[in-house]
């Protein structure tokens, strides 16, 4: 489940745990909504760093991919450890 945290000046930071969504264009993590109301999967946001428009769903997908990458890396490290 995604979380939109309202920050200063109406900026939104999309995070799950310690993973923040990043703009696919510039890597920025601060966004602003382009419409009023709650965040929905189809909600468009604008990166405050470069102005790129991106859907909330894409940002959540980025977080999921990063979580999987981290999990796979951790599993790989566990497999390298000697068995007890």
Protein backbone atom coordinates (compact mmCIF):
# COMPACT_ATOMS: atom_id res chain seq x y z
CA UNK A 1 0.00 0.00 0.00
CA UNK A 2 1.39 3.39 -0.94
CA UNK A 3 1.66 6.38 1.27
CA UNK A 4 1.58 10.00 0.18
CA UNK A 5 3.09 12.25 2.78
CA UNK A 6 2.18 15.91 2.48
CA UNK A 7 5.24 18.01 3.11
CA UNK A 8 6.06 21.68 2.96
CA UNK A 9 4.24 23.83 0.42
CA UNK A 10 1.94 20.95 -0.65
CA UNK A 11 4.75 18.69 -1.83
CA UNK A 12 4.16 14.94 -1.76
CA UNK A 13 6.76 12.31 -0.90
CA UNK A 14 5.67 8.79 -1.90
CA UNK A 15 7.26 6.21 0.41
CA UNK A 16 6.82 2.66 1.62
CA UNK A 17 9.09 1.86 4.52
CA UNK A 18 12.44 3.45 3.75
CA UNK A 19 11.98 3.38 -0.03
CA UNK A 20 10.98 6.65 -1.67
CA UNK A 21 9.58 6.81 -5.18
CA UNK A 22 11.86 8.56 -7.65
CA UNK A 23 11.11 10.52 -10.79
CA UNK A 24 12.01 8.34 -13.79
CA UNK A 25 13.49 11.40 -15.52
CA UNK A 26 15.69 13.04 -12.87
CA UNK A 27 15.59 10.84 -9.76
CA UNK A 28 13.87 13.52 -7.68
CA UNK A 29 11.64 12.45 -4.80
CA UNK A 30 9.36 15.47 -4.35
CA UNK A 31 6.11 15.66 -6.31
CA UNK A 32 3.05 17.85 -6.41
CA UNK A 33 -0.43 16.70 -7.29
CA UNK A 34 -2.09 18.10 -10.39
CA UNK A 35 -5.62 17.65 -9.03
CA UNK A 36 -7.45 17.90 -5.73
CA UNK A 37 -8.58 14.86 -3.79
CA UNK A 38 -7.01 11.66 -2.54
CA UNK A 39 -4.23 9.91 -4.41
CA UNK A 40 -5.56 7.21 -6.73
CA UNK A 41 -3.57 4.89 -9.00
CA UNK A 42 -4.35 7.08 -12.02
CA UNK A 43 -3.51 10.37 -10.24
CA UNK A 44 -0.96 12.45 -12.15
CA UNK A 45 1.81 14.12 -10.21
CA UNK A 46 4.52 16.51 -11.33
CA UNK A 47 8.14 16.18 -10.26
CA UNK A 48 9.25 19.42 -8.64
CA UNK A 49 12.80 18.84 -9.84
CA UNK A 50 12.27 18.59 -13.60
CA UNK A 51 8.52 19.04 -14.20
CA UNK A 52 8.02 15.48 -15.50
CA UNK A 53 4.42 14.25 -15.23
CA UNK A 54 4.12 10.77 -13.76
CA UNK A 55 1.23 8.59 -12.57
CA UNK A 56 1.01 7.48 -8.96
CA UNK A 57 0.85 3.85 -10.14
CA UNK A 58 4.25 4.17 -11.85
CA UNK A 59 5.78 5.56 -8.65
CA UNK A 60 4.37 2.65 -6.63
CA UNK A 61 5.72 0.24 -9.24
CA UNK A 62 9.18 1.79 -8.85
CA UNK A 63 9.01 1.21 -5.09
CA UNK A 64 7.98 -2.42 -5.63
CA UNK A 65 10.86 -3.01 -8.04
CA UNK A 66 13.35 -1.50 -5.58
CA UNK A 67 11.97 -3.67 -2.75
CA UNK A 68 12.37 -6.80 -4.89
CA UNK A 69 15.90 -5.79 -5.86
CA UNK A 70 16.83 -5.37 -2.20
CA UNK A 71 15.22 -8.69 -1.23
CA UNK A 72 17.04 -10.55 -4.01
CA UNK A 73 20.34 -8.98 -3.00
CA UNK A 74 19.78 -9.99 0.64
CA UNK A 75 18.93 -13.55 -0.39
CA UNK A 76 22.06 -13.69 -2.50
CA UNK A 77 24.15 -12.59 0.46
CA UNK A 78 22.52 -15.21 2.70
CA UNK A 79 23.31 -17.95 0.19
CA UNK A 80 26.98 -16.95 0.23
CA UNK A 81 27.25 -17.48 4.00
CA UNK A 82 28.66 -20.82 5.15
CA UNK A 83 26.08 -23.32 6.41
CA UNK A 84 26.00 -23.99 10.12
